[in-house]
């Protein structure tokens, strides 16, 4: 009887994980290929990077300002956490890449001939 309970729980957890994986794959497909690739390279999603640096919109000045503040606050020499500091750096890299992608897409749209 105990084996059946564990087996059912395992099967349910497996179904939930599969559903979550499918949802994540769908979200990556909607986000665009370049953005998804950037998420895979940095290990952070765009939303996670925005949460870490506390920015709601991709504003380069706000990203830089928040990055500098959080980097200084988490410096190990002032009692901060190297782990958190590295998360801040990764988040900045991810947002910089997203800004680069958006800039490239804007330039491509501007070069498209009007029909």
N, C-alpha and C. Protein backbone atom coordinates (compact mmCIF):
# COMPACT_ATOMS: atom_id res chain seq x y z
N UNK A 1 0.82 -1.19 0.00
CA UNK A 1 0.00 0.00 0.00
C UNK A 1 0.87 1.27 0.00
N UNK A 2 1.93 1.28 0.76
CA UNK A 2 2.83 2.43 0.81
C UNK A 2 3.52 2.67 -0.51
N UNK A 3 3.83 1.58 -1.22
CA UNK A 3 4.47 1.69 -2.52
C UNK A 3 3.53 2.35 -3.52
N UNK A 4 2.23 2.04 -3.43
CA UNK A 4 1.25 2.65 -4.33
C UNK A 4 1.16 4.15 -4.09
N UNK A 5 1.17 4.56 -2.85
CA UNK A 5 1.09 5.98 -2.51
C UNK A 5 2.30 6.72 -3.06
N UNK A 6 3.48 6.16 -2.87
CA UNK A 6 4.70 6.78 -3.36
C UNK A 6 4.70 6.80 -4.89
N UNK A 7 4.25 5.73 -5.50
CA UNK A 7 4.18 5.65 -6.95
C UNK A 7 3.24 6.70 -7.54
N UNK A 8 2.08 6.88 -6.93
CA UNK A 8 1.13 7.90 -7.40
C UNK A 8 1.70 9.30 -7.22
N UNK A 9 2.33 9.54 -6.10
CA UNK A 9 2.92 10.86 -5.85
C UNK A 9 4.03 11.15 -6.86
N UNK A 10 4.82 10.14 -7.16
CA UNK A 10 5.89 10.31 -8.14
C UNK A 10 5.31 10.59 -9.52
N UNK A 11 4.29 9.86 -9.90
CA UNK A 11 3.65 10.07 -11.21
C UNK A 11 3.05 11.46 -11.30
N UNK A 12 2.42 11.92 -10.24
CA UNK A 12 1.83 13.26 -10.22
C UNK A 12 2.92 14.33 -10.33
N UNK A 13 4.00 14.15 -9.61
CA UNK A 13 5.11 15.11 -9.67
C UNK A 13 5.72 15.12 -11.07
N UNK A 14 5.81 13.98 -11.69
CA UNK A 14 6.34 13.89 -13.05
C UNK A 14 5.44 14.63 -14.03
N UNK A 15 4.12 14.47 -13.91
CA UNK A 15 3.18 15.18 -14.79
C UNK A 15 3.28 16.69 -14.58
N UNK A 16 3.41 17.12 -13.33
CA UNK A 16 3.53 18.56 -13.04
C UNK A 16 4.82 19.11 -13.63
N UNK A 17 5.88 18.39 -13.51
CA UNK A 17 7.17 18.84 -14.06
C UNK A 17 7.10 18.92 -15.58
N UNK A 18 6.45 17.95 -16.21
CA UNK A 18 6.30 17.98 -17.66
C UNK A 18 5.47 19.19 -18.09
N UNK A 19 4.38 19.47 -17.37
CA UNK A 19 3.53 20.63 -17.70
C UNK A 19 4.32 21.93 -17.53
N UNK A 20 5.10 22.03 -16.46
CA UNK A 20 5.91 23.23 -16.24
C UNK A 20 6.96 23.38 -17.33
N UNK A 21 7.55 22.29 -17.75
CA UNK A 21 8.54 22.32 -18.81
C UNK A 21 7.92 22.78 -20.12
N UNK A 22 6.73 22.29 -20.42
CA UNK A 22 6.02 22.70 -21.63
C UNK A 22 5.69 24.18 -21.59
N UNK A 23 5.23 24.67 -20.44
CA UNK A 23 4.89 26.08 -20.29
C UNK A 23 6.13 26.95 -20.48
N UNK A 24 7.25 26.53 -19.93
CA UNK A 24 8.49 27.29 -20.09
C UNK A 24 8.95 27.30 -21.54
N UNK A 25 8.81 26.17 -22.21
CA UNK A 25 9.19 26.11 -23.63
C UNK A 25 8.29 27.01 -24.46
N UNK A 26 7.00 27.03 -24.17
CA UNK A 26 6.09 27.92 -24.89
C UNK A 26 6.45 29.38 -24.67
N UNK A 27 6.78 29.72 -23.43
CA UNK A 27 7.15 31.11 -23.11
C UNK A 27 8.42 31.51 -23.84
N UNK A 28 9.39 30.61 -23.91
CA UNK A 28 10.62 30.91 -24.63
C UNK A 28 10.36 31.10 -26.11
N UNK A 29 9.44 30.30 -26.66
CA UNK A 29 9.10 30.44 -28.07
C UNK A 29 8.47 31.77 -28.37
N UNK A 30 7.64 32.26 -27.47
CA UNK A 30 7.00 33.57 -27.67
C UNK A 30 7.99 34.71 -27.47
N UNK A 31 8.99 34.52 -26.65
CA UNK A 31 9.92 35.60 -26.33
C UNK A 31 10.87 35.90 -27.48
N UNK A 32 10.99 35.02 -28.41
CA UNK A 32 11.91 35.24 -29.52
C UNK A 32 13.16 34.41 -29.35
N UNK A 33 13.75 34.08 -30.49
CA UNK A 33 14.90 33.18 -30.47
C UNK A 33 16.12 33.82 -29.83
N UNK A 34 16.41 35.06 -30.13
CA UNK A 34 17.61 35.69 -29.57
C UNK A 34 17.49 35.86 -28.07
N UNK A 35 16.32 36.28 -27.61
CA UNK A 35 16.12 36.48 -26.18
C UNK A 35 16.22 35.15 -25.43
N UNK A 36 15.67 34.10 -26.00
CA UNK A 36 15.76 32.79 -25.37
C UNK A 36 17.21 32.32 -25.31
N UNK A 37 17.94 32.58 -26.37
CA UNK A 37 19.35 32.20 -26.38
C UNK A 37 20.12 32.97 -25.31
N UNK A 38 19.80 34.23 -25.15
CA UNK A 38 20.47 35.03 -24.12
C UNK A 38 20.15 34.49 -22.73
N UNK A 39 18.91 34.06 -22.53
CA UNK A 39 18.53 33.47 -21.24
C UNK A 39 19.32 32.20 -20.97
N UNK A 40 19.48 31.39 -22.00
CA UNK A 40 20.22 30.14 -21.83
C UNK A 40 21.69 30.40 -21.53
N UNK A 41 22.27 31.40 -22.18
CA UNK A 41 23.69 31.69 -21.97
C UNK A 41 23.96 32.25 -20.58
N UNK A 42 23.10 33.16 -20.13
CA UNK A 42 23.34 33.80 -18.84
C UNK A 42 22.81 32.98 -17.67
N UNK A 43 21.88 32.08 -17.94
CA UNK A 43 21.28 31.31 -16.86
C UNK A 43 20.17 32.05 -16.16
N UNK A 44 19.82 33.24 -16.63
CA UNK A 44 18.75 34.03 -16.02
C UNK A 44 17.72 34.38 -17.08
N UNK A 45 16.48 34.37 -16.68
CA UNK A 45 15.44 34.86 -17.59
C UNK A 45 15.45 36.39 -17.51
N UNK A 46 14.81 37.00 -18.48
CA UNK A 46 14.72 38.45 -18.49
C UNK A 46 14.00 38.95 -17.24
N UNK A 47 12.93 38.28 -16.87
CA UNK A 47 12.16 38.69 -15.70
C UNK A 47 12.99 38.58 -14.42
N UNK A 48 13.75 37.49 -14.30
CA UNK A 48 14.58 37.30 -13.12
C UNK A 48 15.65 38.39 -13.04
N UNK A 49 16.26 38.71 -14.16
CA UNK A 49 17.29 39.75 -14.18
C UNK A 49 16.68 41.10 -13.79
N UNK A 50 15.48 41.39 -14.28
CA UNK A 50 14.82 42.64 -13.93
C UNK A 50 14.50 42.68 -12.44
N UNK A 51 14.10 41.56 -11.87
CA UNK A 51 13.82 41.52 -10.43
C UNK A 51 15.08 41.73 -9.61
N UNK A 52 16.17 41.12 -10.02
CA UNK A 52 17.42 41.25 -9.27
C UNK A 52 17.88 42.71 -9.25
N UNK A 53 17.80 43.38 -10.40
CA UNK A 53 18.25 44.78 -10.46
C UNK A 53 17.12 45.77 -10.18
N UNK A 54 15.95 45.26 -9.87
CA UNK A 54 14.81 46.10 -9.49
C UNK A 54 14.48 47.15 -10.57
N UNK A 55 14.33 46.69 -11.80
CA UNK A 55 13.91 47.56 -12.89
C UNK A 55 12.68 46.95 -13.54
N UNK A 56 11.69 47.79 -13.82
CA UNK A 56 10.47 47.28 -14.46
C UNK A 56 10.53 47.43 -15.97
N UNK A 57 11.18 48.49 -16.45
CA UNK A 57 11.35 48.71 -17.88
C UNK A 57 12.84 48.72 -18.20
N UNK A 58 13.16 48.34 -19.43
CA UNK A 58 14.56 48.30 -19.83
C UNK A 58 15.05 49.69 -20.18
N UNK A 59 15.49 50.39 -19.16
CA UNK A 59 16.05 51.72 -19.30
C UNK A 59 17.54 51.61 -18.98
N UNK A 60 18.43 51.85 -19.96
CA UNK A 60 19.87 51.65 -19.72
C UNK A 60 20.42 52.44 -18.54
N UNK A 61 19.93 53.66 -18.36
CA UNK A 61 20.44 54.48 -17.24
C UNK A 61 20.02 53.89 -15.90
N UNK A 62 18.77 53.44 -15.81
CA UNK A 62 18.28 52.86 -14.55
C UNK A 62 18.98 51.53 -14.26
N UNK A 63 19.20 50.75 -15.29
CA UNK A 63 19.91 49.47 -15.12
C UNK A 63 21.32 49.74 -14.57
N UNK A 64 22.02 50.70 -15.17
CA UNK A 64 23.39 51.01 -14.72
C UNK A 64 23.41 51.55 -13.30
N UNK A 65 22.47 52.43 -12.99
CA UNK A 65 22.41 53.03 -11.65
C UNK A 65 22.16 51.95 -10.59
N UNK A 66 21.17 51.09 -10.83
CA UNK A 66 20.86 50.03 -9.86
C UNK A 66 21.98 49.02 -9.77
N UNK A 67 22.62 48.72 -10.90
CA UNK A 67 23.75 47.80 -10.90
C UNK A 67 24.87 48.33 -10.01
N UNK A 68 25.26 49.58 -10.22
CA UNK A 68 26.36 50.16 -9.45
C UNK A 68 26.05 50.14 -7.96
N UNK A 69 24.82 50.50 -7.60
CA UNK A 69 24.44 50.52 -6.19
C UNK A 69 24.51 49.11 -5.59
N UNK A 70 23.88 48.14 -6.24
CA UNK A 70 23.84 46.78 -5.70
C UNK A 70 25.21 46.13 -5.70
N UNK A 71 26.04 46.45 -6.68
CA UNK A 71 27.39 45.90 -6.72
C UNK A 71 28.19 46.39 -5.52
N UNK A 72 28.10 47.70 -5.23
CA UNK A 72 28.83 48.27 -4.09
C UNK A 72 28.32 47.73 -2.77
N UNK A 73 27.01 47.64 -2.62
CA UNK A 73 26.41 47.18 -1.37
C UNK A 73 26.80 45.73 -1.07
N UNK A 74 26.94 44.92 -2.09
CA UNK A 74 27.25 43.51 -1.90
C UNK A 74 28.73 43.20 -2.01
N UNK A 75 29.58 44.22 -1.99
CA UNK A 75 31.03 44.00 -2.04
C UNK A 75 31.47 43.27 -0.77
N UNK A 76 32.27 42.26 -0.94
CA UNK A 76 32.70 41.44 0.19
C UNK A 76 33.51 42.25 1.21
N UNK A 77 34.24 43.25 0.75
CA UNK A 77 35.07 44.05 1.65
C UNK A 77 34.24 44.88 2.62
N UNK A 78 32.97 45.11 2.30
CA UNK A 78 32.11 45.87 3.23
C UNK A 78 31.08 44.95 3.88
N UNK A 79 31.36 43.65 3.86
CA UNK A 79 30.50 42.68 4.53
C UNK A 79 29.38 42.13 3.66
N UNK A 80 29.49 42.35 2.37
CA UNK A 80 28.47 41.85 1.46
C UNK A 80 28.70 40.40 1.08
N UNK A 81 27.92 39.95 0.15
CA UNK A 81 27.96 38.56 -0.27
C UNK A 81 28.49 38.47 -1.70
N UNK A 82 29.55 37.67 -1.88
CA UNK A 82 30.09 37.46 -3.21
C UNK A 82 29.06 36.80 -4.12
N UNK A 83 28.27 35.88 -3.56
CA UNK A 83 27.22 35.21 -4.33
C UNK A 83 26.21 36.22 -4.87
N UNK A 84 25.73 37.10 -3.99
CA UNK A 84 24.76 38.10 -4.44
C UNK A 84 25.38 39.06 -5.44
N UNK A 85 26.63 39.40 -5.20
CA UNK A 85 27.32 40.30 -6.13
C UNK A 85 27.43 39.65 -7.51
N UNK A 86 27.69 38.36 -7.54
CA UNK A 86 27.78 37.68 -8.83
C UNK A 86 26.42 37.59 -9.51
N UNK A 87 25.35 37.45 -8.73
CA UNK A 87 23.99 37.46 -9.30
C UNK A 87 23.69 38.82 -9.92
N UNK A 88 24.14 39.88 -9.27
CA UNK A 88 23.94 41.24 -9.78
C UNK A 88 24.69 41.40 -11.11
N UNK A 89 25.90 40.89 -11.18
CA UNK A 89 26.69 40.98 -12.42
C UNK A 89 26.00 40.20 -13.54
N UNK A 90 25.54 38.99 -13.24
CA UNK A 90 24.86 38.18 -14.26
C UNK A 90 23.57 38.85 -14.72
N UNK A 91 22.85 39.46 -13.80
CA UNK A 91 21.61 40.16 -14.16
C UNK A 91 21.92 41.33 -15.09
N UNK A 92 22.98 42.07 -14.78
CA UNK A 92 23.37 43.20 -15.63
C UNK A 92 23.76 42.71 -17.02
N UNK A 93 24.53 41.63 -17.08
CA UNK A 93 24.92 41.07 -18.38
C UNK A 93 23.68 40.67 -19.18
N UNK A 94 22.71 40.05 -18.51
CA UNK A 94 21.49 39.61 -19.19
C UNK A 94 20.70 40.80 -19.72
N UNK A 95 20.55 41.84 -18.92
CA UNK A 95 19.81 43.02 -19.35
C UNK A 95 20.56 43.77 -20.45
N UNK A 96 21.88 43.83 -20.35
CA UNK A 96 22.67 44.46 -21.42
C UNK A 96 22.47 43.73 -22.74
N UNK A 97 22.44 42.41 -22.68
CA UNK A 97 22.23 41.61 -23.89
C UNK A 97 20.82 41.87 -24.46
N UNK A 98 19.84 41.96 -23.60
CA UNK A 98 18.47 42.23 -24.06
C UNK A 98 18.39 43.62 -24.68
N UNK A 99 19.06 44.60 -24.09
CA UNK A 99 19.08 45.94 -24.66
C UNK A 99 19.76 45.93 -26.03
N UNK A 100 20.83 45.14 -26.17
CA UNK A 100 21.51 45.02 -27.45
C UNK A 100 20.60 44.39 -28.50
N UNK A 101 19.86 43.37 -28.11
CA UNK A 101 18.93 42.70 -29.02
C UNK A 101 17.83 43.67 -29.46
N UNK A 102 17.28 44.41 -28.51
CA UNK A 102 16.23 45.37 -28.84
C UNK A 102 16.76 46.47 -29.76
N UNK A 103 17.96 46.93 -29.51
CA UNK A 103 18.57 47.96 -30.36
C UNK A 103 18.76 47.44 -31.77
N UNK A 104 19.24 46.20 -31.88
CA UNK A 104 19.44 45.58 -33.19
C UNK A 104 18.10 45.43 -33.92
N UNK A 105 17.05 44.99 -33.21
CA UNK A 105 15.74 44.85 -33.83
C UNK A 105 15.18 46.20 -34.28
N UNK A 106 15.40 47.24 -33.47
CA UNK A 106 14.94 48.58 -33.84
C UNK A 106 15.65 49.07 -35.11
N UNK A 107 16.96 48.81 -35.19
CA UNK A 107 17.71 49.22 -36.38
C UNK A 107 17.23 48.46 -37.61
N UNK A 108 16.95 47.17 -37.45
CA UNK A 108 16.46 46.37 -38.58
C UNK A 108 15.09 46.85 -39.04
N UNK A 109 14.24 47.23 -38.10
CA UNK A 109 12.92 47.75 -38.46
C UNK A 109 13.04 49.08 -39.20
N UNK A 110 14.01 49.89 -38.79
CA UNK A 110 14.23 51.18 -39.44
C UNK A 110 14.77 51.04 -40.85
N UNK A 111 15.47 49.95 -41.12
CA UNK A 111 16.04 49.74 -42.44
C UNK A 111 15.10 49.02 -43.39
N UNK A 112 13.99 48.51 -42.88
CA UNK A 112 13.01 47.82 -43.72
C UNK A 112 12.37 48.80 -44.68
N UNK A 113 12.29 48.47 -45.95
CA UNK A 113 11.64 49.38 -46.90
C UNK A 113 10.12 49.40 -46.67
N UNK A 114 9.55 50.58 -46.74
CA UNK A 114 8.11 50.75 -46.58
C UNK A 114 7.42 50.35 -47.87
N UNK A 115 6.38 49.54 -47.79
CA UNK A 115 5.64 49.13 -49.00
C UNK A 115 4.23 49.62 -48.95
